[in-house]
Each structure stands twice: as structure tokens, then as C-alpha cells.
Amino acid sequence: MGLDMYAWAVPDKPGLPDFSYHPEDTKVEEFQYWRKHANLHGWMEALWTKKGGSDPDGFCTPLRLTLADLDALEADLRKLPHTTGFFFGVSPTEGDEGFEEQVEEDRGFIAKAREMIALGMAVYYDSSW
């Protein structure tokens, strides 16, 4: 058990919400997977709250990411918020072994997400634990 995190894309169309499970009749393309990257999840949860997300059970719905969101994430990659949670694991922080590799993986995700948006897709972040 643990924090599993995904990025997926669906064909963009007018009216797609910021918080939504993908419709069953839509082709979903998963293009990124992370395991126990708690600090990235904390950043996404803060974005969810900023966009108006509220649920008594917490952040547990897919979150649509825009180009502006990806720009903000890229600017914050080296200073993601320290995040803890049940089964979340620990993300490396600056100076830790694996930190630079994690930053590069996250940069790769951002580049791929931008490509997907340029191809007319809507990009979502999702997680489970």
C-alpha cells in the first residue's frame, strides 16, 4: 500500500470540469506514474484548494492541469511543500540522494503534459492510497 499518483489525458472538449473522474466513454491515456512522491502530491493538493476544491474526505478527485498550472509547478519544483500522510512515503528534498533525479522526472512530466495539451488533450492529475 502507498501513495500512487498518475497523470492522464482525455480529448479536450468544452465544459470539461477542473475536478472530474473521466467519463467511461472517453479514451483515457495515462502518461505518467509516480510512487510515493508526497511533496508533489502536497503541491497538487494546494492547487486543488486554490481552484476551489473542497471535500470533507480531502483531496481525492482528479485535478485538471492547465499550462499556467504547469508553469507554476515548474517554478516550484525545487521547493515543493513538505507533505506527510498515511502511506505517503517521503519525497527527497534538496541535498538528499535522489532529489535531482526526482526533479528531472518531474520536468519530464511537465514537458509531456504540455505536449498533450498542444495536441488538444485535457491533462489531469489523480492519486490513490
Protein backbone atom coordinates (compact mmCIF):
# COMPACT_ATOMS: atom_id res chain seq x y z
CA MET A 1 0.00 0.00 0.00
CA GLY A 2 1.06 3.55 -0.54
CA LEU A 3 0.56 6.74 -2.46
CA ASP A 4 0.16 6.04 -6.18
CA MET A 5 -0.07 9.08 -8.45
CA TYR A 6 -0.98 9.37 -12.10
CA ALA A 7 -1.27 11.88 -14.91
CA TRP A 8 -3.69 11.12 -17.68
CA ALA A 9 -5.21 12.90 -20.62
CA VAL A 10 -8.55 12.84 -22.38
CA PRO A 11 -9.67 14.60 -25.54
CA ASP A 12 -10.43 18.18 -24.58
CA LYS A 13 -13.92 19.49 -25.18
CA PRO A 14 -15.88 22.48 -23.95
CA GLY A 15 -17.16 22.18 -20.42
CA LEU A 16 -14.68 19.67 -19.02
CA PRO A 17 -14.54 20.40 -15.28
CA ASP A 18 -11.50 21.10 -13.12
CA PHE A 19 -12.43 18.19 -10.84
CA SER A 20 -13.81 15.12 -12.53
CA TYR A 21 -13.47 11.41 -12.98
CA HIS A 22 -13.02 10.59 -16.62
CA PRO A 23 -16.20 9.61 -18.44
CA GLU A 24 -16.41 5.90 -19.20
CA ASP A 25 -16.98 6.57 -22.91
CA THR A 26 -13.79 8.64 -23.29
CA LYS A 27 -10.39 7.27 -24.27
CA VAL A 28 -8.03 7.88 -21.36
CA GLU A 29 -4.28 7.98 -21.93
CA GLU A 30 -2.19 7.55 -18.78
CA PHE A 31 1.24 9.03 -19.42
CA GLN A 32 2.88 9.42 -16.00
CA TYR A 33 3.08 7.38 -12.82
CA TRP A 34 4.76 8.27 -9.53
CA ARG A 35 5.06 6.17 -6.39
CA LYS A 36 5.09 7.93 -3.01
CA HIS A 37 6.12 11.40 -4.24
CA ALA A 38 4.40 13.02 -1.27
CA ASN A 39 5.71 16.54 -1.83
CA LEU A 40 4.34 16.67 -5.38
CA HIS A 41 1.01 15.43 -4.05
CA GLY A 42 1.07 18.24 -1.45
CA TRP A 43 1.66 20.79 -4.21
CA MET A 44 -1.26 19.35 -6.19
CA GLU A 45 -3.49 19.45 -3.11
CA ALA A 46 -2.66 23.14 -2.58
CA LEU A 47 -3.57 23.79 -6.24
CA TRP A 48 -6.84 21.87 -5.79
CA THR A 49 -7.71 24.08 -2.81
CA LYS A 50 -6.74 27.25 -4.70
CA LYS A 51 -9.06 26.21 -7.55
CA GLY A 52 -11.94 25.80 -5.11
CA GLY A 53 -11.69 22.14 -4.30
CA SER A 54 -13.37 21.16 -1.08
CA ASP A 55 -14.38 17.78 0.16
CA PRO A 56 -14.72 16.63 3.78
CA ASP A 57 -12.81 13.47 2.83
CA GLY A 58 -9.92 15.50 1.41
CA PHE A 59 -8.28 15.72 -1.99
CA CYS A 60 -9.41 12.57 -3.74
CA THR A 61 -10.65 13.64 -7.18
CA PRO A 62 -8.78 14.16 -10.44
CA LEU A 63 -7.44 17.68 -10.88
CA ARG A 64 -7.24 19.31 -14.32
CA LEU A 65 -3.91 20.98 -15.05
CA THR A 66 -3.60 24.00 -17.33
CA LEU A 67 -0.50 25.43 -18.98
CA ALA A 68 -0.42 28.10 -16.25
CA ASP A 69 -0.53 25.35 -13.59
CA LEU A 70 2.37 23.57 -15.28
CA ASP A 71 4.35 26.83 -15.40
CA ALA A 72 3.76 27.33 -11.67
CA LEU A 73 4.78 23.74 -10.91
CA GLU A 74 7.95 24.13 -12.94
CA ALA A 75 8.84 27.28 -10.97
CA ASP A 76 8.25 25.41 -7.68
CA LEU A 77 9.97 22.07 -8.46
CA ARG A 78 12.93 22.69 -6.19
CA LYS A 79 10.73 23.86 -3.30
CA LEU A 80 7.69 21.58 -3.18
CA PRO A 81 5.95 21.67 0.22
CA HIS A 82 6.98 19.01 2.74
CA THR A 83 3.97 16.68 2.82
CA THR A 84 3.17 13.70 5.00
CA GLY A 85 0.26 11.32 5.12
CA PHE A 86 -0.76 7.76 5.82
CA PHE A 87 1.22 5.51 3.44
CA PHE A 88 2.60 8.57 1.59
CA GLY A 89 6.29 7.80 1.93
CA VAL A 90 8.88 10.58 1.87
CA SER A 91 9.97 12.66 -1.12
CA PRO A 92 13.64 13.58 -1.29
CA THR A 93 14.41 17.24 -0.62
CA GLU A 94 17.30 19.35 -1.86
CA GLY A 95 20.57 17.76 -0.82
CA ASP A 96 19.05 14.27 -0.42
CA GLU A 97 20.06 11.35 -2.59
CA GLY A 98 17.60 11.07 -5.45
CA PHE A 99 16.47 14.71 -5.35
CA GLU A 100 17.98 15.74 -8.69
CA GLU A 101 16.58 12.62 -10.37
CA GLN A 102 13.12 13.41 -8.98
CA VAL A 103 13.30 16.98 -10.27
CA GLU A 104 14.28 15.69 -13.74
CA GLU A 105 11.42 13.16 -13.72
CA ASP A 106 9.01 15.96 -12.80
CA ARG A 107 10.41 18.17 -15.58
CA GLY A 108 9.79 15.30 -17.99
CA PHE A 109 6.19 15.07 -16.79
CA ILE A 110 5.71 18.82 -17.33
CA ALA A 111 7.11 18.59 -20.86
CA LYS A 112 4.86 15.64 -21.71
CA ALA A 113 1.80 17.37 -20.20
CA ARG A 114 2.49 20.45 -22.32
CA GLU A 115 2.74 18.23 -25.40
CA MET A 116 -0.57 16.58 -24.58
CA ILE A 117 -2.29 19.96 -24.20
CA ALA A 118 -0.79 21.12 -27.51
CA LEU A 119 -2.34 18.01 -29.11
CA GLY A 120 -5.80 19.04 -27.90
CA MET A 121 -5.94 16.92 -24.76
CA ALA A 122 -7.03 17.87 -21.25
CA VAL A 123 -4.48 16.76 -18.63
CA TYR A 124 -5.44 15.53 -15.14
CA TYR A 125 -3.52 14.56 -12.02
CA ASP A 126 -5.00 11.79 -9.89
CA SER A 127 -3.93 9.73 -6.89
CA SER A 128 -4.93 6.87 -4.63
CA TRP A 129 -3.59 5.29 -1.47
